Amino acid sequence: MSESIYVGVDLGGTAIKVGICDQEGNLLLTHEGPTEVAKGVEVVIDNIVQYVRDIVEKSPFSWDQLVGVGAGVAGFTNVREGIIVQAPNLGFSDVPIRSLLEERLGKPVKIDNDANVAALGEAWSGAGRGLDNCVCYTLGTGVGGGVILDGKIYQGSSGMAGEVGHIAVVPDLEAIQCGCGKKGCLETVSSATGIIRMAKDAVERGDRTTLSTVEVMNAKEVFDAAKAGDEVALRIVTRAAFYLGKSMAAVAAVLNPEVFIVGGGVAYAGDILFNEVREVFAKFTPEPLQRGVSILPAILGNKAGIVGAAGLLLRS
């Protein structure tokens, strides 16, 4: 075979996921192994190298067909220097991962943070396939994001572009403090954490609802109650969707993307969330800026990080 292949590494605190992609972003093969953070940086690097070698060896491809390796990391990264500045879940601090892996693998290596690589994965071969300008939101414990412009990750001056969860959208009178230290961030109302907090607040106020503090363990409970007609739950979902759509209107005015892709656990809410987001986006966005813009759920799920990491070799 003469086809070029690209390996993506999703470096997590518990597991390291690796996958082989072709030039079109199709995920051909995956492998997963333990990270073994407790054994130290050297062991984690050894494991990455071993898993990359193993997956290529088990594939129908040769080592010579491997163009390079990309890695996505949950933490602060210096993309230009290839350094993991700080990754608490790995215990990494100022680790020159690119040079360490290149030395061991003899192949080019690129790195980026997990939100950016997930965005690139969806843009390359997921919901944004065939489009060059995408903004991705990941609605989970927090609200992460990534910006793809002209087919490549937009980093910003210090690599911090795409922090959509910290767009201040909530008015001062309603705002609460975000984990970042500021008030009114999107993350406080549209993340799973924010949705659960609003539900618990409603129960504690004595609002009439089928929800209870025992049941509200995750955002899905709130969405299920909303779909069943619970007015309090519906109000919470509507509020989360309102500020999500409002933030997209602000982003559209600056970046004019072709598509907004929404992933993460909250995105599984489906139409009850997306219909409201689209309606609010249309309300706050000037008609020329909303023309042709789609708001879609992500489709790659937890494979987006692997695919996007592999894509760093082609689209960064």
Protein backbone atom coordinates (compact mmCIF):
# COMPACT_ATOMS: atom_id res chain seq x y z
CA MET A 1 0.00 0.00 0.00
CA SER A 2 1.21 3.53 -0.77
CA GLU A 3 -1.55 5.36 1.08
CA SER A 4 -0.46 7.84 3.74
CA ILE A 5 -1.79 7.38 7.27
CA TYR A 6 -1.95 9.64 10.33
CA VAL A 7 -2.12 8.58 13.97
CA GLY A 8 -4.10 10.58 16.52
CA VAL A 9 -3.54 10.32 20.27
CA ASP A 10 -6.16 11.33 22.83
CA LEU A 11 -4.10 11.66 25.99
CA GLY A 12 -6.32 11.38 29.06
CA GLY A 13 -5.63 10.99 32.75
CA THR A 14 -6.98 7.42 32.83
CA ALA A 15 -6.62 6.14 29.28
CA ILE A 16 -4.64 6.85 26.14
CA LYS A 17 -6.70 6.36 22.98
CA VAL A 18 -4.95 6.10 19.64
CA GLY A 19 -6.34 5.78 16.14
CA ILE A 20 -5.27 5.61 12.51
CA CYS A 21 -6.88 8.00 10.02
CA ASP A 22 -6.54 8.24 6.27
CA GLN A 23 -6.10 11.49 4.34
CA GLU A 24 -9.86 12.10 4.32
CA GLY A 25 -10.22 11.88 8.09
CA ASN A 26 -11.80 8.43 8.13
CA LEU A 27 -10.99 6.57 11.34
CA LEU A 28 -9.68 3.16 10.29
CA LEU A 29 -8.51 1.54 13.50
CA THR A 30 -8.44 2.37 17.23
CA HIS A 31 -6.62 1.11 20.32
CA GLU A 32 -6.79 2.06 23.98
CA GLY A 33 -4.48 1.47 26.92
CA PRO A 34 -3.92 2.79 30.46
CA THR A 35 -2.11 6.10 30.95
CA GLU A 36 -0.46 5.09 34.25
CA VAL A 37 -0.06 8.66 35.46
CA ALA A 38 1.08 7.54 38.91
CA LYS A 39 4.23 6.02 37.41
CA GLY A 40 5.47 9.37 36.14
CA VAL A 41 6.08 11.27 32.92
CA GLU A 42 8.58 8.81 31.43
CA VAL A 43 6.16 5.89 31.73
CA VAL A 44 3.33 7.90 30.15
CA ILE A 45 5.61 8.81 27.22
CA ASP A 46 6.70 5.17 26.94
CA ASN A 47 3.05 4.11 26.82
CA ILE A 48 2.19 6.58 24.06
CA VAL A 49 5.11 5.35 21.98
CA GLN A 50 4.17 1.71 22.56
CA TYR A 51 0.50 2.22 21.70
CA VAL A 52 1.37 4.10 18.50
CA ARG A 53 3.79 1.36 17.42
CA ASP A 54 1.30 -1.36 18.35
CA ILE A 55 -1.59 0.06 16.36
CA VAL A 56 0.49 0.52 13.21
CA GLU A 57 1.96 -2.96 13.61
CA LYS A 58 -1.52 -4.49 13.91
CA SER A 59 -2.83 -2.54 10.92
CA PRO A 60 -2.44 -3.41 7.22
CA PHE A 61 -0.14 -0.37 6.91
CA SER A 62 3.62 -0.11 7.20
CA TRP A 63 5.58 2.24 9.47
CA ASP A 64 6.84 4.02 6.34
CA GLN A 65 3.25 5.01 5.46
CA LEU A 66 2.87 6.87 8.75
CA VAL A 67 3.25 10.59 8.04
CA GLY A 68 3.19 11.66 11.68
CA VAL A 69 1.44 11.69 15.03
CA GLY A 70 -0.88 14.29 16.57
CA ALA A 71 -1.82 14.45 20.24
CA GLY A 72 -4.68 16.19 22.05
CA VAL A 73 -4.25 16.99 25.74
CA ALA A 74 -6.62 18.29 28.42
CA GLY A 75 -4.57 21.18 29.71
CA PHE A 76 -2.56 24.23 28.75
CA THR A 77 -0.33 23.69 25.76
CA ASN A 78 2.34 25.72 23.99
CA VAL A 79 1.52 24.57 20.49
CA ARG A 80 4.38 26.36 18.78
CA GLU A 81 7.01 24.83 21.06
CA GLY A 82 5.25 21.49 21.48
CA ILE A 83 5.17 21.74 25.26
CA ILE A 84 2.46 20.67 27.72
CA VAL A 85 2.65 23.67 30.04
CA GLN A 86 0.26 22.30 32.63
CA ALA A 87 -2.03 19.29 32.60
CA PRO A 88 -3.28 18.60 36.15
CA ASN A 89 -4.93 15.28 35.30
CA LEU A 90 -1.60 14.01 33.96
CA GLY A 91 0.65 15.62 36.53
CA PHE A 92 2.52 17.24 33.63
CA SER A 93 4.27 20.58 33.99
CA ASP A 94 6.44 22.01 31.21
CA VAL A 95 6.86 18.66 29.49
CA PRO A 96 8.39 18.96 25.97
CA ILE A 97 6.19 16.19 24.63
CA ARG A 98 6.77 16.92 20.96
CA SER A 99 10.54 16.54 21.10
CA LEU A 100 10.29 13.50 23.38
CA LEU A 101 7.91 11.71 21.01
CA GLU A 102 9.72 12.76 17.84
CA GLU A 103 12.97 11.39 19.24
CA ARG A 104 11.36 8.06 20.10
CA LEU A 105 9.15 7.66 17.04
CA GLY A 106 11.26 9.25 14.34
CA LYS A 107 8.13 10.94 12.97
CA PRO A 108 6.80 14.52 13.03
CA VAL A 109 4.57 15.24 16.05
CA LYS A 110 2.04 18.02 16.67
CA ILE A 111 0.05 18.78 19.83
CA ASP A 112 -2.92 20.90 20.88
CA ASN A 113 -5.50 21.03 23.65
CA ASP A 114 -8.40 18.61 23.69
CA ALA A 115 -11.11 21.15 22.82
CA ASN A 116 -9.27 22.28 19.71
CA VAL A 117 -8.58 18.78 18.44
CA ALA A 118 -12.20 17.73 19.05
CA ALA A 119 -13.31 20.77 17.04
CA LEU A 120 -10.89 19.88 14.25
CA GLY A 121 -12.15 16.30 14.23
CA GLU A 122 -15.77 17.40 13.76
CA ALA A 123 -14.76 19.96 11.14
CA TRP A 124 -12.57 17.52 9.23
CA SER A 125 -14.73 14.42 9.08
CA GLY A 126 -17.73 14.94 11.36
CA ALA A 127 -20.70 17.31 11.24
CA GLY A 128 -18.57 19.94 9.47
CA ARG A 129 -17.10 17.68 6.80
CA GLY A 130 -16.45 19.67 3.63
CA LEU A 131 -16.69 23.04 5.39
CA ASP A 132 -13.73 25.30 6.17
CA ASN A 133 -15.18 27.68 8.77
CA CYS A 134 -16.69 26.10 11.87
CA VAL A 135 -17.14 26.98 15.52
CA CYS A 136 -17.53 24.07 17.91
CA TYR A 137 -19.08 24.10 21.37
CA THR A 138 -18.60 21.25 23.82
CA LEU A 139 -21.27 21.29 26.52
CA GLY A 140 -20.17 19.12 29.39
CA THR A 141 -19.05 19.87 32.93
CA GLY A 142 -18.00 23.22 31.50
CA VAL A 143 -18.37 24.78 28.06
CA GLY A 144 -15.36 24.32 25.82
CA GLY A 145 -14.88 25.31 22.23
CA GLY A 146 -12.72 25.45 19.18
CA VAL A 147 -12.56 27.68 16.13
CA ILE A 148 -11.70 26.38 12.66
CA LEU A 149 -10.98 29.09 10.09
CA ASP A 150 -10.03 28.31 6.50
CA GLY A 151 -9.80 24.65 7.49
CA LYS A 152 -7.30 25.16 10.30
CA ILE A 153 -7.44 25.65 14.06
CA TYR A 154 -7.38 29.32 14.98
CA GLN A 155 -5.11 29.67 17.99
CA GLY A 156 -5.19 33.38 18.78
CA SER A 157 -2.19 35.35 20.00
CA SER A 158 -1.49 33.10 22.98
CA GLY A 159 -3.24 29.91 21.95
CA MET A 160 -6.39 30.66 23.97
CA ALA A 161 -8.87 31.28 21.13
CA GLY A 162 -12.17 29.42 21.24
CA GLU A 163 -13.01 29.89 24.94
CA VAL A 164 -16.70 30.29 24.10
CA GLY A 165 -17.75 29.21 27.57
CA HIS A 166 -16.40 32.46 28.94
CA ILE A 167 -18.34 34.81 26.71
CA ALA A 168 -20.26 37.05 29.15
CA VAL A 169 -23.90 36.73 28.12
CA VAL A 170 -25.89 36.72 31.36
CA PRO A 171 -27.05 40.16 32.60
CA ASP A 172 -25.48 41.39 35.83
CA LEU A 173 -28.65 41.05 37.91
CA GLU A 174 -28.94 37.35 37.02
CA ALA A 175 -25.24 36.54 36.83
CA ILE A 176 -23.36 34.26 39.16
CA GLN A 177 -19.62 33.80 39.46
CA CYS A 178 -17.98 31.41 37.04
CA GLY A 179 -15.06 29.16 37.87
CA CYS A 180 -12.85 31.56 35.89
CA GLY A 181 -13.52 34.25 38.53
CA LYS A 182 -15.75 36.45 36.36
CA LYS A 183 -19.54 36.74 36.32
CA GLY A 184 -22.10 36.06 33.62
CA CYS A 185 -20.18 33.46 31.60
CA LEU A 186 -22.08 31.15 29.26
CA GLU A 187 -20.64 28.22 31.21
CA THR A 188 -22.70 29.15 34.28
CA VAL A 189 -26.00 28.48 32.49
CA SER A 190 -25.42 26.21 29.48
CA SER A 191 -23.07 23.58 30.89
CA ALA A 192 -24.31 20.41 32.58
CA THR A 193 -23.07 21.90 35.85
CA GLY A 194 -25.08 25.07 35.28
CA ILE A 195 -28.23 23.18 34.36
CA ILE A 196 -28.00 20.97 37.47
CA ARG A 197 -27.39 24.04 39.65
CA MET A 198 -30.47 25.82 38.27
CA ALA A 199 -32.57 22.69 38.86
CA LYS A 200 -31.41 22.34 42.46
CA ASP A 201 -32.03 26.04 43.08
CA ALA A 202 -35.60 25.64 41.80
CA VAL A 203 -36.25 22.62 44.05
CA GLU A 204 -34.80 24.41 47.09
CA ARG A 205 -37.01 27.45 46.39
CA GLY A 206 -40.01 25.16 46.51
CA ASP A 207 -41.01 25.57 42.84
CA ARG A 208 -43.66 23.10 41.71
CA THR A 209 -41.73 20.48 39.79
CA THR A 210 -41.35 16.73 39.38
CA LEU A 211 -37.61 17.18 39.92
CA SER A 212 -36.03 16.54 43.29
CA THR A 213 -32.54 17.11 44.64
CA VAL A 214 -32.12 13.33 44.76
CA GLU A 215 -33.03 12.87 41.09
CA VAL A 216 -31.05 15.79 39.69
CA MET A 217 -27.72 14.06 39.42
CA ASN A 218 -27.14 14.95 35.77
CA ALA A 219 -28.51 17.21 33.08
CA LYS A 220 -30.34 14.33 31.39
CA GLU A 221 -32.82 14.22 34.28
CA VAL A 222 -33.68 17.86 33.62
CA PHE A 223 -34.07 17.32 29.87
CA ASP A 224 -36.24 14.25 30.40
CA ALA A 225 -38.48 16.21 32.78
CA ALA A 226 -38.73 19.06 30.26
CA LYS A 227 -39.73 16.64 27.49
CA ALA A 228 -42.39 15.23 29.83
CA GLY A 229 -43.87 18.73 30.25
CA ASP A 230 -42.40 19.82 33.58
CA GLU A 231 -42.61 23.62 33.47
CA VAL A 232 -39.63 24.27 35.75
CA ALA A 233 -37.40 21.92 33.77
CA LEU A 234 -38.60 23.47 30.53
CA ARG A 235 -37.77 26.93 31.86
CA ILE A 236 -34.24 25.81 32.72
CA VAL A 237 -33.66 24.23 29.30
CA THR A 238 -35.04 27.32 27.60
CA ARG A 239 -32.68 29.53 29.59
CA ALA A 240 -29.66 27.38 28.77
CA ALA A 241 -30.61 27.40 25.07
CA PHE A 242 -31.31 31.15 25.08
CA TYR A 243 -27.82 32.11 26.22
CA LEU A 244 -26.22 29.51 23.98
CA GLY A 245 -27.99 30.98 20.95
CA LYS A 246 -27.18 34.51 22.08
CA SER A 247 -23.47 33.67 22.35
CA MET A 248 -23.55 32.21 18.84
CA ALA A 249 -25.01 35.45 17.53
CA ALA A 250 -22.02 37.33 19.00
CA VAL A 251 -19.56 34.83 17.53
CA ALA A 252 -21.25 34.96 14.12
CA ALA A 253 -20.88 38.74 14.01
CA VAL A 254 -17.11 38.36 14.44
CA LEU A 255 -16.21 35.12 12.64
CA ASN A 256 -19.07 34.47 10.18
CA PRO A 257 -18.78 30.65 10.30
CA GLU A 258 -20.64 28.24 8.05
CA VAL A 259 -21.69 26.00 10.90
CA PHE A 260 -21.89 25.83 14.69
CA ILE A 261 -21.31 22.27 15.90
CA VAL A 262 -22.52 21.41 19.39
CA GLY A 263 -21.14 18.36 21.19
CA GLY A 264 -20.77 17.07 24.73
CA GLY A 265 -23.32 15.40 26.97
CA VAL A 266 -25.78 18.31 26.98
CA ALA A 267 -26.05 18.16 23.18
CA TYR A 268 -27.84 14.80 23.48
CA ALA A 269 -30.92 16.72 24.61
CA GLY A 270 -31.90 16.89 20.95
CA ASP A 271 -34.62 19.06 19.45
CA ILE A 272 -35.82 20.51 22.76
CA LEU A 273 -32.45 22.28 22.97
CA PHE A 274 -31.52 22.80 19.33
CA ASN A 275 -34.85 24.23 18.17
CA GLU A 276 -34.68 26.93 20.83
CA VAL A 277 -31.00 27.69 20.10
CA ARG A 278 -31.75 28.15 16.39
CA GLU A 279 -34.70 30.42 17.16
CA VAL A 280 -32.66 32.64 19.49
CA PHE A 281 -29.74 32.75 17.04
CA ALA A 282 -32.10 33.97 14.32
CA LYS A 283 -33.55 36.60 16.67
CA PHE A 284 -30.19 38.15 17.62
CA THR A 285 -28.23 37.73 14.37
CA PRO A 286 -28.57 40.16 11.43
CA GLU A 287 -30.11 38.36 8.48
CA PRO A 288 -27.02 38.52 6.19
CA LEU A 289 -24.90 36.94 8.95
CA GLN A 290 -27.31 34.07 9.60
CA ARG A 291 -27.83 33.28 5.93
CA GLY A 292 -26.66 29.72 5.22
CA VAL A 293 -25.44 29.12 8.78
CA SER A 294 -26.30 25.74 10.32
CA ILE A 295 -26.42 24.76 14.00
CA LEU A 296 -25.84 21.02 14.20
CA PRO A 297 -25.13 18.33 16.79
CA ALA A 298 -21.67 16.77 16.75
CA ILE A 299 -21.59 13.23 15.33
CA LEU A 300 -18.18 11.78 16.23
CA GLY A 301 -18.75 11.55 19.97
CA ASN A 302 -15.67 10.55 21.95
CA LYS A 303 -13.81 9.72 18.73
CA ALA A 304 -13.56 13.40 17.76
CA GLY A 305 -10.38 13.85 19.79
CA ILE A 306 -8.55 11.01 18.07
CA VAL A 307 -9.61 12.12 14.60
CA GLY A 308 -8.78 15.76 15.27
CA ALA A 309 -5.38 14.88 16.72
CA ALA A 310 -4.54 12.95 13.55
CA GLY A 311 -5.76 15.93 11.55
CA LEU A 312 -3.19 18.22 13.17
CA LEU A 313 -0.68 16.83 10.66
CA LEU A 314 -2.78 18.07 7.75
CA ARG A 315 -4.83 20.97 9.03
CA SER A 316 -2.86 23.05 11.51
